[in-house]
N, C-alpha and C. Protein backbone atom coordinates (compact mmCIF):
# COMPACT_ATOMS: atom_id res chain seq x y z
N MET A 1 99.04 102.20 93.83
CA MET A 1 99.55 100.95 93.30
C MET A 1 98.46 100.01 92.84
N VAL A 2 97.22 100.37 93.09
CA VAL A 2 96.13 99.50 92.66
C VAL A 2 95.57 100.06 91.37
N ASP A 3 95.45 99.22 90.34
CA ASP A 3 95.06 99.66 89.01
C ASP A 3 93.70 100.32 88.92
N ASP A 4 92.75 99.86 89.68
CA ASP A 4 91.37 100.33 89.51
C ASP A 4 91.02 101.56 90.34
N GLY A 5 92.01 102.26 90.85
CA GLY A 5 91.76 103.48 91.58
C GLY A 5 91.49 103.32 93.07
N ARG A 6 91.48 102.08 93.56
CA ARG A 6 91.29 101.86 94.99
C ARG A 6 92.54 102.27 95.75
N LEU A 7 92.34 102.54 97.02
CA LEU A 7 93.45 102.86 97.90
C LEU A 7 94.28 101.60 98.14
N GLY A 8 95.60 101.73 98.10
CA GLY A 8 96.46 100.58 98.31
C GLY A 8 97.71 100.95 99.08
N PHE A 9 98.36 99.96 99.65
CA PHE A 9 99.65 100.18 100.30
C PHE A 9 100.47 98.91 100.21
N MET A 10 101.75 99.01 100.53
CA MET A 10 102.65 97.86 100.47
C MET A 10 103.58 97.88 101.67
N GLY A 11 104.12 96.71 101.96
CA GLY A 11 105.08 96.60 103.03
C GLY A 11 105.90 95.33 102.86
N VAL A 12 107.08 95.33 103.43
CA VAL A 12 107.97 94.17 103.35
C VAL A 12 107.89 93.40 104.66
N GLU A 13 107.71 92.10 104.54
CA GLU A 13 107.77 91.20 105.68
C GLU A 13 108.77 90.12 105.33
N ASP A 14 109.81 89.97 106.14
CA ASP A 14 110.94 89.09 105.84
C ASP A 14 111.52 89.53 104.50
N ARG A 15 111.44 88.68 103.49
CA ARG A 15 111.98 89.05 102.17
C ARG A 15 110.89 89.00 101.11
N SER A 16 109.66 89.37 101.52
CA SER A 16 108.52 89.39 100.60
C SER A 16 107.84 90.75 100.64
N LEU A 17 107.43 91.23 99.47
CA LEU A 17 106.70 92.49 99.35
C LEU A 17 105.21 92.16 99.29
N HIS A 18 104.46 92.68 100.26
CA HIS A 18 103.02 92.41 100.34
C HIS A 18 102.26 93.63 99.85
N LEU A 19 101.36 93.43 98.90
CA LEU A 19 100.53 94.51 98.36
C LEU A 19 99.11 94.34 98.88
N TRP A 20 98.55 95.42 99.39
CA TRP A 20 97.21 95.41 99.99
C TRP A 20 96.33 96.43 99.27
N ALA A 21 95.04 96.15 99.19
CA ALA A 21 94.08 97.07 98.59
C ALA A 21 92.85 97.15 99.48
N TRP A 22 92.23 98.34 99.50
CA TRP A 22 91.01 98.52 100.27
C TRP A 22 89.85 97.91 99.51
N GLN A 23 89.12 97.04 100.18
CA GLN A 23 87.97 96.36 99.58
C GLN A 23 86.71 96.94 100.20
N GLU A 24 85.88 97.57 99.37
CA GLU A 24 84.60 98.10 99.86
C GLU A 24 83.69 96.96 100.28
N ALA A 25 82.76 97.27 101.15
CA ALA A 25 81.82 96.25 101.62
C ALA A 25 80.88 95.85 100.49
N GLY A 26 80.73 94.56 100.30
CA GLY A 26 79.79 94.04 99.32
C GLY A 26 78.49 93.68 100.02
N ALA A 27 77.62 93.02 99.30
CA ALA A 27 76.34 92.60 99.88
C ALA A 27 76.60 91.64 101.05
N GLY A 28 76.26 92.08 102.24
CA GLY A 28 76.42 91.25 103.41
C GLY A 28 77.85 91.12 103.92
N GLY A 29 78.79 91.78 103.25
CA GLY A 29 80.19 91.67 103.66
C GLY A 29 80.65 92.91 104.39
N SER A 30 81.87 92.90 104.80
CA SER A 30 82.43 94.06 105.49
C SER A 30 83.61 94.61 104.70
N ALA A 31 83.82 95.90 104.84
CA ALA A 31 84.95 96.55 104.17
C ALA A 31 86.22 96.24 104.95
N GLY A 32 87.35 96.30 104.27
CA GLY A 32 88.62 96.09 104.95
C GLY A 32 89.77 95.95 103.98
N TRP A 33 90.96 95.83 104.52
CA TRP A 33 92.16 95.65 103.72
C TRP A 33 92.28 94.19 103.30
N ARG A 34 92.61 94.01 102.02
CA ARG A 34 92.75 92.67 101.47
C ARG A 34 94.12 92.57 100.80
N ARG A 35 94.88 91.54 101.19
CA ARG A 35 96.18 91.33 100.53
C ARG A 35 95.89 90.80 99.13
N CYS A 36 96.38 91.52 98.12
CA CYS A 36 96.07 91.13 96.75
C CYS A 36 97.25 90.49 96.03
N ARG A 37 98.46 90.62 96.60
CA ARG A 37 99.62 90.01 95.93
C ARG A 37 100.79 89.96 96.89
N VAL A 38 101.61 88.92 96.73
CA VAL A 38 102.87 88.80 97.48
C VAL A 38 103.97 88.55 96.46
N ILE A 39 105.01 89.36 96.50
CA ILE A 39 106.15 89.22 95.59
C ILE A 39 107.35 88.76 96.41
N GLU A 40 107.90 87.63 96.04
CA GLU A 40 109.06 87.08 96.75
C GLU A 40 110.32 87.82 96.30
N LEU A 41 110.80 88.74 97.11
CA LEU A 41 111.97 89.53 96.76
C LEU A 41 113.24 88.70 96.76
N ALA A 42 113.28 87.66 97.57
CA ALA A 42 114.48 86.81 97.64
C ALA A 42 114.81 86.21 96.28
N THR A 43 113.80 85.91 95.48
CA THR A 43 114.05 85.33 94.16
C THR A 43 114.34 86.39 93.11
N LEU A 44 113.92 87.63 93.34
CA LEU A 44 114.13 88.70 92.35
C LEU A 44 115.44 89.46 92.54
N LEU A 45 115.84 89.62 93.80
CA LEU A 45 117.03 90.43 94.10
C LEU A 45 118.23 89.52 94.33
N SER A 46 119.33 89.88 93.74
CA SER A 46 120.54 89.08 93.90
C SER A 46 121.36 89.60 95.08
N VAL A 47 120.91 89.24 96.28
CA VAL A 47 121.59 89.67 97.50
C VAL A 47 121.82 88.43 98.36
N PRO A 48 123.00 87.80 98.22
CA PRO A 48 123.27 86.61 99.03
C PRO A 48 123.54 86.99 100.49
N HIS A 49 122.92 86.28 101.40
CA HIS A 49 123.14 86.45 102.85
C HIS A 49 123.02 87.91 103.30
N PRO A 50 121.85 88.52 103.12
CA PRO A 50 121.71 89.93 103.52
C PRO A 50 121.82 90.11 105.03
N SER A 51 122.38 91.23 105.45
CA SER A 51 122.48 91.51 106.88
C SER A 51 121.21 92.20 107.40
N PHE A 52 120.40 92.74 106.50
CA PHE A 52 119.10 93.28 106.89
C PHE A 52 118.11 93.01 105.76
N PRO A 53 116.82 92.91 106.10
CA PRO A 53 115.83 92.62 105.06
C PRO A 53 115.67 93.81 104.10
N PRO A 54 115.24 93.55 102.88
CA PRO A 54 115.00 94.65 101.95
C PRO A 54 113.89 95.55 102.50
N ARG A 55 113.92 96.82 102.09
CA ARG A 55 112.86 97.73 102.53
C ARG A 55 112.49 98.68 101.39
N VAL A 56 111.23 99.02 101.34
CA VAL A 56 110.74 99.97 100.34
C VAL A 56 111.15 101.36 100.79
N VAL A 57 111.83 102.09 99.89
CA VAL A 57 112.29 103.43 100.24
C VAL A 57 111.65 104.50 99.37
N GLY A 58 110.82 104.09 98.41
CA GLY A 58 110.15 105.08 97.58
C GLY A 58 109.36 104.43 96.46
N SER A 59 108.60 105.27 95.77
CA SER A 59 107.83 104.82 94.61
C SER A 59 107.63 106.02 93.70
N VAL A 60 107.21 105.75 92.47
CA VAL A 60 106.92 106.81 91.51
C VAL A 60 105.41 106.89 91.37
N GLU A 61 104.85 108.02 91.76
CA GLU A 61 103.40 108.19 91.74
C GLU A 61 102.84 107.99 90.33
N GLY A 62 101.75 107.25 90.24
CA GLY A 62 101.09 107.03 88.96
C GLY A 62 101.70 105.92 88.13
N THR A 63 102.69 105.22 88.69
CA THR A 63 103.34 104.11 87.98
C THR A 63 103.36 102.89 88.89
N ASP A 64 103.96 101.83 88.39
CA ASP A 64 104.12 100.62 89.21
C ASP A 64 105.56 100.43 89.65
N VAL A 65 106.33 101.51 89.70
CA VAL A 65 107.76 101.45 90.04
C VAL A 65 107.96 101.69 91.53
N VAL A 66 108.73 100.79 92.15
CA VAL A 66 109.05 100.87 93.57
C VAL A 66 110.56 100.79 93.72
N PHE A 67 111.10 101.53 94.68
CA PHE A 67 112.53 101.49 94.98
C PHE A 67 112.74 100.68 96.25
N ILE A 68 113.65 99.71 96.17
CA ILE A 68 113.90 98.81 97.29
C ILE A 68 115.37 98.89 97.67
N SER A 69 115.63 99.15 98.95
CA SER A 69 117.00 99.24 99.46
C SER A 69 117.44 97.89 100.00
N THR A 70 118.68 97.51 99.68
CA THR A 70 119.28 96.26 100.16
C THR A 70 120.71 96.53 100.61
N ASP A 71 121.37 95.48 101.07
CA ASP A 71 122.79 95.57 101.46
C ASP A 71 123.68 96.05 100.33
N VAL A 72 123.34 95.70 99.10
CA VAL A 72 124.23 95.99 97.97
C VAL A 72 123.78 97.19 97.15
N GLY A 73 122.77 97.90 97.59
CA GLY A 73 122.32 99.08 96.87
C GLY A 73 120.80 99.14 96.74
N ILE A 74 120.38 100.06 95.89
CA ILE A 74 118.95 100.27 95.66
C ILE A 74 118.56 99.67 94.31
N PHE A 75 117.43 98.97 94.31
CA PHE A 75 116.90 98.35 93.10
C PHE A 75 115.57 99.01 92.75
N THR A 76 115.25 99.06 91.46
CA THR A 76 113.91 99.43 91.03
C THR A 76 113.17 98.16 90.67
N LEU A 77 111.92 98.10 91.06
CA LEU A 77 111.06 96.95 90.77
C LEU A 77 109.82 97.46 90.07
N LYS A 78 109.53 96.91 88.90
CA LYS A 78 108.27 97.18 88.22
C LYS A 78 107.31 96.08 88.64
N ILE A 79 106.32 96.46 89.41
CA ILE A 79 105.45 95.48 90.05
C ILE A 79 104.70 94.62 89.04
N LYS A 80 104.15 95.22 87.99
CA LYS A 80 103.35 94.43 87.04
C LYS A 80 104.18 93.38 86.32
N SER A 81 105.36 93.75 85.86
CA SER A 81 106.18 92.83 85.07
C SER A 81 107.14 92.00 85.92
N GLY A 82 107.44 92.48 87.13
CA GLY A 82 108.41 91.79 87.97
C GLY A 82 109.85 92.08 87.57
N ARG A 83 110.05 93.04 86.69
CA ARG A 83 111.42 93.38 86.26
C ARG A 83 112.13 94.17 87.36
N VAL A 84 113.39 93.80 87.55
CA VAL A 84 114.22 94.42 88.58
C VAL A 84 115.49 94.93 87.92
N ALA A 85 115.93 96.11 88.34
CA ALA A 85 117.20 96.65 87.86
C ALA A 85 117.89 97.33 89.04
N LYS A 86 119.20 97.17 89.10
CA LYS A 86 119.96 97.85 90.15
C LYS A 86 120.16 99.30 89.72
N SER A 87 119.84 100.21 90.62
CA SER A 87 120.00 101.64 90.34
C SER A 87 121.47 102.00 90.43
N THR A 88 121.87 102.95 89.62
CA THR A 88 123.28 103.38 89.64
C THR A 88 123.42 104.74 90.25
């Protein structure tokens, strides 16, 4: 999910998707995971009063597409553009 070939991962906390990337050690610094973006799913997904938080259930390798499960179904999210569509 990281454009420049670095290792990355994502996870949902509450109703936000957090994207993390591995940051190599720089001069005098230390290597570690760095949160590089937070996407507010509550504003993107039309799920009023969810009974459980959204969760990532899959992705398409080599793309920015993520599948997110909610109370009302599964949505696709294009991370770069922020476009969301309900899967049928």
